[in-house]
Amino acid sequence: MGKIHPENISSPSCSSPYVTSNRETFTIWMKSLVFHGNGCTVFNSKGELCFRVDNYQERCSNEVFLMDLNGQVLFSIKKEKLRVFGRWNGYLCGGFKGRPWFQVRKNCTFSRGNVICNVNLGYENPIESCYKIQKLDKKSSFKVTNTTGEIVAELKQKQSSRGFAYGDDVLTLEVEPQVDQSLIMALVTVCGLISRKL
């Protein structure tokens, strides 16, 4: 059986485990480690488990949790009710109390362009959108850009070294240097909820 984790290796050189000086490649397997659970499992470029997302209830729940390899909750993500186009709040650590650390707002389907979501940081002190999530041509592919339009992360279907695509449930995520990988994974999680894959 072929391995599904990335083959390229990069060595983190920054003190934070989620911000490195090198581009990092992750493999996302859209399966939960929990029996009969819904979620996904994320491996780093060394093939090590680094993130997992679990929804212990039904698929497309309004609440999901992004965790590290030890099961420690990094972000609790909750969809706001009574929102026509969708809005998700991300809270640091477990629970949904206090101030959201980020907010993702889904654009209406009638809006122009390929931007499907806008991301704000510091929800209680409204600021301009920090990131945009833009859909790419291929299915399940998108990129995250910053305020200057630079790509900070890109998600696409994983391919083998010979160019053969894995199944639709195996994806590659590339995150640029000095970008919070845990935040990017939280945004990927929201996109999974929007596309009803989690």
N, C-alpha and C. Protein backbone atom coordinates (compact mmCIF):
# COMPACT_ATOMS: atom_id res chain seq x y z
N MET A 1 0.84 -1.20 0.00
CA MET A 1 0.00 0.00 0.00
C MET A 1 0.87 1.24 0.00
N GLY A 2 0.61 2.18 -0.90
CA GLY A 2 1.39 3.40 -0.98
C GLY A 2 1.13 4.30 0.20
N LYS A 3 2.17 5.04 0.60
CA LYS A 3 1.98 5.95 1.72
C LYS A 3 1.22 7.18 1.27
N ILE A 4 0.44 7.74 2.17
CA ILE A 4 -0.38 8.88 1.79
C ILE A 4 0.12 10.18 2.41
N HIS A 5 1.19 10.10 3.25
CA HIS A 5 1.70 11.34 3.83
C HIS A 5 2.70 11.98 2.86
N PRO A 6 2.96 13.28 2.97
CA PRO A 6 3.86 13.96 2.05
C PRO A 6 5.26 13.37 2.09
N GLU A 7 5.97 13.44 0.95
CA GLU A 7 7.30 12.87 0.87
C GLU A 7 8.38 13.91 1.16
N ASN A 8 8.08 15.19 0.97
CA ASN A 8 9.08 16.24 1.21
C ASN A 8 9.20 16.53 2.69
N ILE A 9 10.43 16.76 3.15
CA ILE A 9 10.68 16.99 4.57
C ILE A 9 11.21 18.41 4.76
N SER A 10 10.63 19.12 5.70
CA SER A 10 11.15 20.44 6.06
C SER A 10 11.31 20.49 7.56
N SER A 11 12.35 21.15 8.03
CA SER A 11 12.65 21.17 9.46
C SER A 11 12.25 22.51 10.05
N PRO A 12 11.29 22.52 10.98
CA PRO A 12 10.89 23.78 11.61
C PRO A 12 12.05 24.41 12.35
N SER A 13 12.18 25.72 12.22
CA SER A 13 13.29 26.39 12.90
C SER A 13 12.80 27.48 13.83
N CYS A 14 11.48 27.64 13.94
CA CYS A 14 10.94 28.67 14.83
C CYS A 14 10.48 28.03 16.12
N SER A 15 10.36 28.83 17.16
CA SER A 15 9.99 28.29 18.47
C SER A 15 8.55 27.83 18.52
N SER A 16 7.66 28.49 17.78
CA SER A 16 6.26 28.10 17.78
C SER A 16 6.09 26.84 16.94
N PRO A 17 5.32 25.87 17.47
CA PRO A 17 5.12 24.64 16.69
C PRO A 17 4.24 24.82 15.47
N TYR A 18 3.54 25.94 15.36
CA TYR A 18 2.61 26.14 14.25
C TYR A 18 3.02 27.27 13.31
N VAL A 19 4.17 27.88 13.56
CA VAL A 19 4.70 28.90 12.65
C VAL A 19 6.16 28.55 12.39
N THR A 20 6.50 28.28 11.14
CA THR A 20 7.85 27.88 10.80
C THR A 20 8.43 28.81 9.75
N SER A 21 9.74 28.71 9.55
CA SER A 21 10.41 29.55 8.55
C SER A 21 10.44 28.89 7.18
N ASN A 22 9.90 27.68 7.08
CA ASN A 22 9.86 26.97 5.81
C ASN A 22 8.43 26.72 5.37
N ARG A 23 8.25 26.56 4.08
CA ARG A 23 6.95 26.12 3.58
C ARG A 23 6.72 24.70 4.07
N GLU A 24 5.51 24.43 4.54
CA GLU A 24 5.17 23.10 5.05
C GLU A 24 4.08 22.48 4.19
N THR A 25 4.22 21.19 3.95
CA THR A 25 3.23 20.44 3.19
C THR A 25 2.56 19.44 4.10
N PHE A 26 1.24 19.46 4.12
CA PHE A 26 0.45 18.54 4.93
C PHE A 26 -0.40 17.64 4.03
N THR A 27 -0.68 16.47 4.53
CA THR A 27 -1.65 15.59 3.87
C THR A 27 -2.88 15.50 4.74
N ILE A 28 -4.02 15.77 4.16
CA ILE A 28 -5.29 15.70 4.89
C ILE A 28 -6.07 14.49 4.40
N TRP A 29 -6.35 13.61 5.32
CA TRP A 29 -7.15 12.42 5.02
C TRP A 29 -8.53 12.66 5.62
N MET A 30 -9.53 12.72 4.77
CA MET A 30 -10.87 13.10 5.21
C MET A 30 -11.59 11.94 5.93
N LYS A 31 -10.90 11.39 6.92
CA LYS A 31 -11.45 10.33 7.76
C LYS A 31 -11.09 10.63 9.20
N SER A 32 -12.00 10.31 10.10
CA SER A 32 -11.76 10.52 11.53
C SER A 32 -11.06 9.31 12.12
N LEU A 33 -10.23 9.55 13.16
CA LEU A 33 -9.60 8.45 13.89
C LEU A 33 -10.57 7.82 14.88
N VAL A 34 -11.70 8.49 15.10
CA VAL A 34 -12.69 7.99 16.04
C VAL A 34 -13.66 7.07 15.30
N PHE A 35 -13.85 5.88 15.83
CA PHE A 35 -14.74 4.92 15.20
C PHE A 35 -16.15 5.49 15.10
N HIS A 36 -16.73 5.46 13.91
CA HIS A 36 -18.04 6.02 13.62
C HIS A 36 -18.08 7.54 13.82
N GLY A 37 -16.92 8.18 13.82
CA GLY A 37 -16.89 9.63 13.95
C GLY A 37 -16.78 10.30 12.59
N ASN A 38 -16.98 11.59 12.55
CA ASN A 38 -16.83 12.39 11.33
C ASN A 38 -15.71 13.39 11.56
N GLY A 39 -14.85 13.54 10.57
CA GLY A 39 -13.75 14.48 10.73
C GLY A 39 -12.66 14.22 9.72
N CYS A 40 -11.43 14.62 10.08
CA CYS A 40 -10.29 14.37 9.19
C CYS A 40 -9.03 14.24 10.03
N THR A 41 -8.00 13.69 9.41
CA THR A 41 -6.73 13.46 10.07
C THR A 41 -5.64 14.11 9.22
N VAL A 42 -4.69 14.80 9.87
CA VAL A 42 -3.70 15.59 9.15
C VAL A 42 -2.29 15.13 9.53
N PHE A 43 -1.46 14.88 8.50
CA PHE A 43 -0.08 14.47 8.69
C PHE A 43 0.85 15.57 8.17
N ASN A 44 2.00 15.73 8.82
CA ASN A 44 2.96 16.71 8.34
C ASN A 44 3.87 16.08 7.29
N SER A 45 4.91 16.80 6.87
CA SER A 45 5.77 16.34 5.80
C SER A 45 6.64 15.14 6.18
N LYS A 46 6.72 14.82 7.48
CA LYS A 46 7.46 13.65 7.93
C LYS A 46 6.55 12.44 8.08
N GLY A 47 5.26 12.62 7.78
CA GLY A 47 4.32 11.52 7.95
C GLY A 47 3.81 11.38 9.36
N GLU A 48 4.05 12.39 10.21
CA GLU A 48 3.62 12.35 11.60
C GLU A 48 2.24 12.99 11.75
N LEU A 49 1.42 12.40 12.58
CA LEU A 49 0.11 12.98 12.89
C LEU A 49 0.32 14.31 13.60
N CYS A 50 -0.33 15.37 13.12
CA CYS A 50 -0.14 16.67 13.77
C CYS A 50 -1.46 17.36 14.11
N PHE A 51 -2.51 17.15 13.32
CA PHE A 51 -3.82 17.72 13.62
C PHE A 51 -4.88 16.66 13.38
N ARG A 52 -5.99 16.83 14.06
CA ARG A 52 -7.17 16.03 13.73
C ARG A 52 -8.42 16.84 14.04
N VAL A 53 -9.43 16.60 13.25
CA VAL A 53 -10.71 17.27 13.42
C VAL A 53 -11.75 16.20 13.68
N ASP A 54 -12.51 16.37 14.75
CA ASP A 54 -13.53 15.38 15.08
C ASP A 54 -14.85 16.04 15.36
N ASN A 55 -15.86 15.44 14.82
CA ASN A 55 -17.24 15.83 15.08
C ASN A 55 -17.90 14.59 15.67
N TYR A 56 -18.14 14.61 16.95
CA TYR A 56 -18.64 13.43 17.63
C TYR A 56 -20.14 13.23 17.44
N GLN A 57 -20.75 14.14 16.67
CA GLN A 57 -22.19 14.01 16.44
C GLN A 57 -22.42 13.63 14.98
N GLU A 58 -23.45 14.17 14.39
CA GLU A 58 -23.75 13.86 13.01
C GLU A 58 -22.88 14.67 12.07
N ARG A 59 -22.78 14.22 10.80
CA ARG A 59 -22.05 14.96 9.80
C ARG A 59 -22.68 16.35 9.62
N CYS A 60 -21.85 17.34 9.28
CA CYS A 60 -22.30 18.72 9.07
C CYS A 60 -22.87 19.33 10.35
N SER A 61 -22.28 18.99 11.47
CA SER A 61 -22.71 19.57 12.74
C SER A 61 -22.38 21.05 12.77
N ASN A 62 -23.04 21.78 13.65
CA ASN A 62 -22.76 23.20 13.83
C ASN A 62 -21.55 23.45 14.73
N GLU A 63 -21.01 22.37 15.33
CA GLU A 63 -19.87 22.52 16.23
C GLU A 63 -18.84 21.43 15.94
N VAL A 64 -17.58 21.84 15.72
CA VAL A 64 -16.49 20.89 15.52
C VAL A 64 -15.26 21.37 16.28
N PHE A 65 -14.28 20.48 16.42
CA PHE A 65 -13.10 20.78 17.21
C PHE A 65 -11.84 20.41 16.45
N LEU A 66 -10.92 21.38 16.33
CA LEU A 66 -9.59 21.12 15.76
C LEU A 66 -8.64 20.83 16.91
N MET A 67 -7.97 19.68 16.85
CA MET A 67 -7.10 19.24 17.94
C MET A 67 -5.69 18.96 17.45
N ASP A 68 -4.74 18.95 18.38
CA ASP A 68 -3.38 18.53 18.04
C ASP A 68 -3.30 17.02 18.13
N LEU A 69 -2.10 16.46 17.97
CA LEU A 69 -1.95 15.01 17.95
C LEU A 69 -2.30 14.36 19.28
N ASN A 70 -2.26 15.13 20.37
CA ASN A 70 -2.56 14.58 21.69
C ASN A 70 -4.03 14.74 22.07
N GLY A 71 -4.82 15.30 21.18
CA GLY A 71 -6.23 15.50 21.49
C GLY A 71 -6.54 16.80 22.20
N GLN A 72 -5.54 17.67 22.33
CA GLN A 72 -5.75 18.98 22.95
C GLN A 72 -6.47 19.89 21.95
N VAL A 73 -7.59 20.50 22.36
CA VAL A 73 -8.35 21.35 21.46
C VAL A 73 -7.61 22.65 21.20
N LEU A 74 -7.38 22.95 19.92
CA LEU A 74 -6.74 24.21 19.52
C LEU A 74 -7.78 25.26 19.17
N PHE A 75 -8.82 24.84 18.45
CA PHE A 75 -9.92 25.73 18.08
C PHE A 75 -11.24 25.00 18.21
N SER A 76 -12.22 25.68 18.78
CA SER A 76 -13.61 25.23 18.76
C SER A 76 -14.32 26.09 17.73
N ILE A 77 -14.97 25.46 16.78
CA ILE A 77 -15.59 26.18 15.66
C ILE A 77 -17.10 25.97 15.71
N LYS A 78 -17.83 27.06 15.67
CA LYS A 78 -19.27 26.99 15.79
C LYS A 78 -19.94 27.87 14.74
N LYS A 79 -20.96 27.33 14.09
CA LYS A 79 -21.71 28.08 13.11
C LYS A 79 -22.79 28.89 13.82
N GLU A 80 -22.90 30.17 13.44
CA GLU A 80 -23.96 31.01 14.00
C GLU A 80 -25.29 30.64 13.38
N LYS A 81 -26.30 30.62 14.19
CA LYS A 81 -27.63 30.31 13.70
C LYS A 81 -28.28 31.56 13.08
N LEU A 82 -29.28 31.32 12.27
CA LEU A 82 -30.07 32.39 11.66
C LEU A 82 -29.25 33.29 10.76
N ARG A 83 -28.24 32.73 10.12
CA ARG A 83 -27.44 33.48 9.15
C ARG A 83 -27.72 32.91 7.77
N VAL A 84 -28.14 33.76 6.86
CA VAL A 84 -28.55 33.29 5.53
C VAL A 84 -27.39 32.67 4.78
N PHE A 85 -26.23 33.34 4.76
CA PHE A 85 -25.12 32.88 3.95
C PHE A 85 -24.07 32.11 4.74
N GLY A 86 -24.20 32.03 6.04
CA GLY A 86 -23.27 31.25 6.85
C GLY A 86 -22.19 32.10 7.49
N ARG A 87 -22.00 31.89 8.78
CA ARG A 87 -20.94 32.57 9.53
C ARG A 87 -20.45 31.63 10.61
N TRP A 88 -19.14 31.47 10.69
CA TRP A 88 -18.54 30.56 11.65
C TRP A 88 -17.59 31.33 12.55
N ASN A 89 -17.67 31.09 13.86
CA ASN A 89 -16.77 31.70 14.82
C ASN A 89 -15.78 30.66 15.32
N GLY A 90 -14.51 31.07 15.43
CA GLY A 90 -13.47 30.18 15.94
C GLY A 90 -12.97 30.67 17.28
N TYR A 91 -13.02 29.79 18.27
CA TYR A 91 -12.60 30.13 19.63
C TYR A 91 -11.33 29.36 19.97
N LEU A 92 -10.40 30.04 20.63
CA LEU A 92 -9.18 29.36 21.06
C LEU A 92 -9.51 28.34 22.13
N CYS A 93 -8.86 27.18 22.04
CA CYS A 93 -9.03 26.09 23.00
C CYS A 93 -10.47 25.58 22.99
N GLY A 94 -10.86 24.91 24.06
CA GLY A 94 -12.18 24.30 24.11
C GLY A 94 -13.25 25.28 24.53
N GLY A 95 -14.48 24.97 24.16
CA GLY A 95 -15.62 25.78 24.57
C GLY A 95 -15.93 26.89 23.58
N PHE A 96 -17.06 27.54 23.83
CA PHE A 96 -17.54 28.57 22.92
C PHE A 96 -17.87 29.86 23.66
N LYS A 97 -17.25 30.07 24.83
CA LYS A 97 -17.52 31.27 25.60
C LYS A 97 -16.45 32.32 25.32
N GLY A 98 -16.80 33.55 25.59
CA GLY A 98 -15.85 34.64 25.43
C GLY A 98 -15.76 35.13 24.01
N ARG A 99 -14.64 35.71 23.71
CA ARG A 99 -14.44 36.39 22.44
C ARG A 99 -13.91 35.43 21.36
N PRO A 100 -14.58 35.36 20.22
CA PRO A 100 -14.05 34.53 19.12
C PRO A 100 -12.72 35.09 18.63
N TRP A 101 -11.81 34.19 18.28
CA TRP A 101 -10.50 34.62 17.81
C TRP A 101 -10.54 34.94 16.32
N PHE A 102 -11.42 34.27 15.58
CA PHE A 102 -11.60 34.59 14.17
C PHE A 102 -13.04 34.35 13.77
N GLN A 103 -13.40 34.93 12.63
CA GLN A 103 -14.75 34.75 12.10
C GLN A 103 -14.66 34.57 10.58
N VAL A 104 -15.37 33.58 10.07
CA VAL A 104 -15.42 33.31 8.64
C VAL A 104 -16.83 33.60 8.16
N ARG A 105 -16.94 34.47 7.16
CA ARG A 105 -18.24 34.81 6.58
C ARG A 105 -18.30 34.31 5.15
N LYS A 106 -19.30 33.49 4.88
CA LYS A 106 -19.48 32.95 3.54
C LYS A 106 -20.14 33.99 2.65
N ASN A 107 -19.63 34.16 1.46
CA ASN A 107 -20.24 35.08 0.50
C ASN A 107 -21.48 34.45 -0.12
N CYS A 108 -22.39 35.29 -0.57
CA CYS A 108 -23.57 34.78 -1.25
C CYS A 108 -23.17 34.21 -2.60
N THR A 109 -23.92 33.24 -3.08
CA THR A 109 -23.60 32.57 -4.34
C THR A 109 -23.76 33.49 -5.54
N PHE A 110 -24.42 34.62 -5.36
CA PHE A 110 -24.63 35.54 -6.48
C PHE A 110 -23.53 36.58 -6.60
N SER A 111 -22.60 36.58 -5.64
CA SER A 111 -21.54 37.57 -5.69
C SER A 111 -20.56 37.22 -6.80
N ARG A 112 -19.91 38.24 -7.33
CA ARG A 112 -18.97 38.03 -8.42
C ARG A 112 -17.63 37.52 -7.90
N GLY A 113 -16.88 36.90 -8.81
CA GLY A 113 -15.56 36.43 -8.46
C GLY A 113 -15.57 35.05 -7.84
N ASN A 114 -14.37 34.60 -7.44
CA ASN A 114 -14.24 33.26 -6.91
C ASN A 114 -14.00 33.25 -5.41
N VAL A 115 -14.19 34.39 -4.74
CA VAL A 115 -14.03 34.45 -3.29
C VAL A 115 -15.26 33.84 -2.63
N ILE A 116 -15.05 32.75 -1.89
CA ILE A 116 -16.18 32.10 -1.24
C ILE A 116 -16.34 32.51 0.21
N CYS A 117 -15.25 32.99 0.83
CA CYS A 117 -15.33 33.40 2.24
C CYS A 117 -14.36 34.55 2.52
N ASN A 118 -14.74 35.38 3.49
CA ASN A 118 -13.84 36.39 4.04
C ASN A 118 -13.57 36.04 5.50
N VAL A 119 -12.32 36.26 5.92
CA VAL A 119 -11.91 35.89 7.27
C VAL A 119 -11.49 37.14 8.02
N ASN A 120 -12.07 37.36 9.20
CA ASN A 120 -11.71 38.47 10.07
C ASN A 120 -11.07 37.93 11.34
N LEU A 121 -10.05 38.63 11.82
CA LEU A 121 -9.46 38.33 13.13
C LEU A 121 -9.85 39.45 14.08
N GLY A 122 -10.04 39.11 15.35
CA GLY A 122 -10.46 40.11 16.31
C GLY A 122 -11.92 40.48 16.11
N TYR A 123 -12.80 39.53 16.31
CA TYR A 123 -14.23 39.66 15.96
C TYR A 123 -14.91 40.83 16.68
N GLU A 124 -14.60 41.06 17.97
CA GLU A 124 -15.30 42.10 18.72
C GLU A 124 -14.80 43.50 18.38
N ASN A 125 -13.66 43.58 17.71
CA ASN A 125 -13.16 44.86 17.23
C ASN A 125 -13.08 44.77 15.72
N PRO A 126 -14.18 45.05 15.02
CA PRO A 126 -14.26 44.81 13.58
C PRO A 126 -13.13 45.48 12.81
N ILE A 127 -12.47 44.69 11.98
CA ILE A 127 -11.44 45.20 11.10
C ILE A 127 -11.70 44.66 9.71
N GLU A 128 -10.96 45.15 8.74
CA GLU A 128 -11.15 44.66 7.39
C GLU A 128 -10.73 43.20 7.30
N SER A 129 -11.21 42.55 6.29
CA SER A 129 -10.92 41.13 6.11
C SER A 129 -9.42 40.89 6.06
N CYS A 130 -8.96 39.93 6.88
CA CYS A 130 -7.53 39.61 6.92
C CYS A 130 -7.14 38.61 5.84
N TYR A 131 -8.04 37.68 5.58
CA TYR A 131 -7.78 36.65 4.57
C TYR A 131 -9.02 36.47 3.71
N LYS A 132 -8.79 35.97 2.51
CA LYS A 132 -9.88 35.57 1.62
C LYS A 132 -9.65 34.12 1.22
N ILE A 133 -10.73 33.35 1.19
CA ILE A 133 -10.67 31.97 0.72
C ILE A 133 -11.26 31.96 -0.67
N GLN A 134 -10.43 31.58 -1.65
CA GLN A 134 -10.83 31.63 -3.05
C GLN A 134 -10.87 30.23 -3.65
N LYS A 135 -11.93 29.94 -4.34
CA LYS A 135 -12.10 28.64 -4.97
C LYS A 135 -11.25 28.57 -6.23
N LEU A 136 -10.61 27.40 -6.43
CA LEU A 136 -9.86 27.15 -7.64
C LEU A 136 -10.70 26.33 -8.61
N ASP A 137 -10.15 26.06 -9.77
CA ASP A 137 -10.92 25.38 -10.81
C ASP A 137 -11.34 23.97 -10.42
N LYS A 138 -10.42 23.24 -9.81
CA LYS A 138 -10.68 21.83 -9.54
C LYS A 138 -11.53 21.64 -8.29
N LYS A 139 -12.17 20.50 -8.22
CA LYS A 139 -13.03 20.16 -7.08
C LYS A 139 -12.20 20.09 -5.81
N SER A 140 -12.75 20.62 -4.73
CA SER A 140 -12.12 20.60 -3.40
C SER A 140 -10.81 21.37 -3.35
N SER A 141 -10.54 22.24 -4.32
CA SER A 141 -9.31 23.02 -4.33
C SER A 141 -9.61 24.48 -4.04
N PHE A 142 -8.79 25.09 -3.18
CA PHE A 142 -8.93 26.51 -2.93
C PHE A 142 -7.62 27.07 -2.42
N LYS A 143 -7.52 28.39 -2.40
CA LYS A 143 -6.34 29.05 -1.87
C LYS A 143 -6.77 30.10 -0.86
N VAL A 144 -5.87 30.39 0.07
CA VAL A 144 -6.09 31.44 1.07
C VAL A 144 -5.10 32.56 0.76
N THR A 145 -5.63 33.77 0.60
CA THR A 145 -4.77 34.92 0.30
C THR A 145 -4.88 35.96 1.41
N ASN A 146 -3.82 36.75 1.56
CA ASN A 146 -3.82 37.80 2.58
C ASN A 146 -4.31 39.12 1.99
N THR A 147 -4.17 40.19 2.73
CA THR A 147 -4.73 41.48 2.31
C THR A 147 -4.06 42.04 1.07
N THR A 148 -2.84 41.61 0.79
CA THR A 148 -2.13 42.09 -0.40
C THR A 148 -2.31 41.15 -1.59
N GLY A 149 -3.10 40.10 -1.41
CA GLY A 149 -3.36 39.17 -2.49
C GLY A 149 -2.36 38.04 -2.61
N GLU A 150 -1.39 37.99 -1.70
CA GLU A 150 -0.40 36.91 -1.74
C GLU A 150 -1.01 35.61 -1.23
N ILE A 151 -0.66 34.52 -1.86
CA ILE A 151 -1.14 33.20 -1.44
C ILE A 151 -0.39 32.77 -0.19
N VAL A 152 -1.11 32.47 0.88
CA VAL A 152 -0.48 31.98 2.11
C VAL A 152 -0.71 30.48 2.31
N ALA A 153 -1.69 29.92 1.61
CA ALA A 153 -1.95 28.47 1.70
C ALA A 153 -2.75 28.04 0.48
N GLU A 154 -2.57 26.77 0.10
CA GLU A 154 -3.30 26.23 -1.04
C GLU A 154 -3.64 24.77 -0.78
N LEU A 155 -4.88 24.42 -1.07
CA LEU A 155 -5.36 23.06 -0.86
C LEU A 155 -5.77 22.46 -2.20
N LYS A 156 -5.35 21.23 -2.45
CA LYS A 156 -5.71 20.55 -3.69
C LYS A 156 -5.64 19.04 -3.48
N GLN A 157 -6.14 18.30 -4.45
CA GLN A 157 -6.12 16.85 -4.36
C GLN A 157 -4.68 16.36 -4.42
N LYS A 158 -4.36 15.38 -3.58
CA LYS A 158 -3.00 14.86 -3.53
C LYS A 158 -2.73 13.96 -4.73
N GLN A 159 -1.51 14.10 -5.25
CA GLN A 159 -1.07 13.24 -6.35
C GLN A 159 0.19 12.50 -5.95
N SER A 160 0.38 11.32 -6.54
CA SER A 160 1.59 10.54 -6.30
C SER A 160 2.75 11.17 -7.06
N SER A 161 3.96 10.67 -6.82
CA SER A 161 5.15 11.20 -7.50
C SER A 161 5.08 10.96 -9.00
N ARG A 162 4.23 10.02 -9.43
CA ARG A 162 4.07 9.74 -10.86
C ARG A 162 2.90 10.52 -11.47
N GLY A 163 2.27 11.35 -10.67
CA GLY A 163 1.20 12.20 -11.20
C GLY A 163 -0.19 11.61 -11.12
N PHE A 164 -0.32 10.45 -10.44
CA PHE A 164 -1.64 9.85 -10.30
C PHE A 164 -2.34 10.43 -9.08
N ALA A 165 -3.59 10.78 -9.23
CA ALA A 165 -4.35 11.37 -8.13
C ALA A 165 -4.82 10.29 -7.16
N TYR A 166 -4.75 10.59 -5.88
CA TYR A 166 -5.35 9.72 -4.87
C TYR A 166 -6.86 9.96 -4.90
N GLY A 167 -7.57 9.33 -4.00
CA GLY A 167 -9.02 9.52 -3.96
C GLY A 167 -9.40 10.93 -3.54
N ASP A 168 -10.68 11.23 -3.67
CA ASP A 168 -11.18 12.56 -3.32
C ASP A 168 -11.01 12.86 -1.83
N ASP A 169 -10.76 11.84 -1.02
CA ASP A 169 -10.65 12.04 0.42
C ASP A 169 -9.20 12.23 0.88
N VAL A 170 -8.25 12.37 -0.05
CA VAL A 170 -6.85 12.61 0.30
C VAL A 170 -6.40 13.91 -0.37
N LEU A 171 -6.07 14.92 0.44
CA LEU A 171 -5.75 16.25 -0.07
C LEU A 171 -4.36 16.69 0.39
N THR A 172 -3.79 17.62 -0.35
CA THR A 172 -2.51 18.22 0.00
C THR A 172 -2.72 19.68 0.36
N LEU A 173 -2.16 20.08 1.49
CA LEU A 173 -2.23 21.47 1.94
C LEU A 173 -0.82 22.02 2.03
N GLU A 174 -0.55 23.10 1.32
CA GLU A 174 0.75 23.77 1.39
C GLU A 174 0.56 25.11 2.11
N VAL A 175 1.37 25.33 3.14
CA VAL A 175 1.29 26.56 3.93
C VAL A 175 2.63 27.29 3.83
N GLU A 176 2.58 28.56 3.50
CA GLU A 176 3.78 29.36 3.32
C GLU A 176 4.48 29.63 4.66
N PRO A 177 5.77 30.01 4.62
CA PRO A 177 6.50 30.32 5.87
C PRO A 177 5.86 31.47 6.65
N GLN A 178 6.05 31.44 7.96
CA GLN A 178 5.59 32.49 8.87
C GLN A 178 4.08 32.66 8.87
N VAL A 179 3.36 31.62 8.55
CA VAL A 179 1.90 31.62 8.59
C VAL A 179 1.45 30.60 9.64
N ASP A 180 0.49 30.98 10.45
CA ASP A 180 -0.01 30.10 11.51
C ASP A 180 -0.72 28.89 10.90
N GLN A 181 -0.08 27.75 10.98
CA GLN A 181 -0.62 26.53 10.37
C GLN A 181 -1.90 26.07 11.06
N SER A 182 -2.02 26.30 12.35
CA SER A 182 -3.23 25.89 13.07
C SER A 182 -4.43 26.72 12.63
N LEU A 183 -4.21 28.02 12.37
CA LEU A 183 -5.29 28.87 11.87
C LEU A 183 -5.71 28.41 10.48
N ILE A 184 -4.73 28.13 9.62
CA ILE A 184 -5.05 27.66 8.27
C ILE A 184 -5.85 26.36 8.34
N MET A 185 -5.47 25.46 9.23
CA MET A 185 -6.23 24.21 9.37
C MET A 185 -7.65 24.48 9.87
N ALA A 186 -7.81 25.49 10.71
CA ALA A 186 -9.16 25.86 11.16
C ALA A 186 -9.99 26.36 9.98
N LEU A 187 -9.37 27.12 9.08
CA LEU A 187 -10.08 27.62 7.90
C LEU A 187 -10.42 26.47 6.95
N VAL A 188 -9.51 25.51 6.82
CA VAL A 188 -9.80 24.31 6.02
C VAL A 188 -10.98 23.56 6.62
N THR A 189 -11.05 23.52 7.93
CA THR A 189 -12.16 22.85 8.60
C THR A 189 -13.49 23.52 8.26
N VAL A 190 -13.52 24.85 8.28
CA VAL A 190 -14.74 25.57 7.91
C VAL A 190 -15.13 25.26 6.48
N CYS A 191 -14.15 25.21 5.58
CA CYS A 191 -14.45 24.89 4.18
C CYS A 191 -15.01 23.48 4.06
N GLY A 192 -14.53 22.57 4.90
CA GLY A 192 -15.08 21.22 4.92
C GLY A 192 -16.53 21.20 5.37
N LEU A 193 -16.86 22.07 6.31
CA LEU A 193 -18.25 22.18 6.75
C LEU A 193 -19.13 22.78 5.67
N ILE A 194 -18.60 23.79 4.97
CA ILE A 194 -19.37 24.43 3.92
C ILE A 194 -19.68 23.44 2.79
N SER A 195 -18.67 22.63 2.44
CA SER A 195 -18.84 21.67 1.36
C SER A 195 -19.48 20.36 1.83
N ARG A 196 -19.83 20.32 3.12
CA ARG A 196 -20.51 19.17 3.72
C ARG A 196 -19.68 17.90 3.66
N LYS A 197 -18.37 18.06 3.89
CA LYS A 197 -17.48 16.89 3.91
C LYS A 197 -17.10 16.51 5.33
N LEU A 198 -17.48 17.33 6.32
CA LEU A 198 -17.20 17.01 7.73
C LEU A 198 -18.50 16.87 8.49
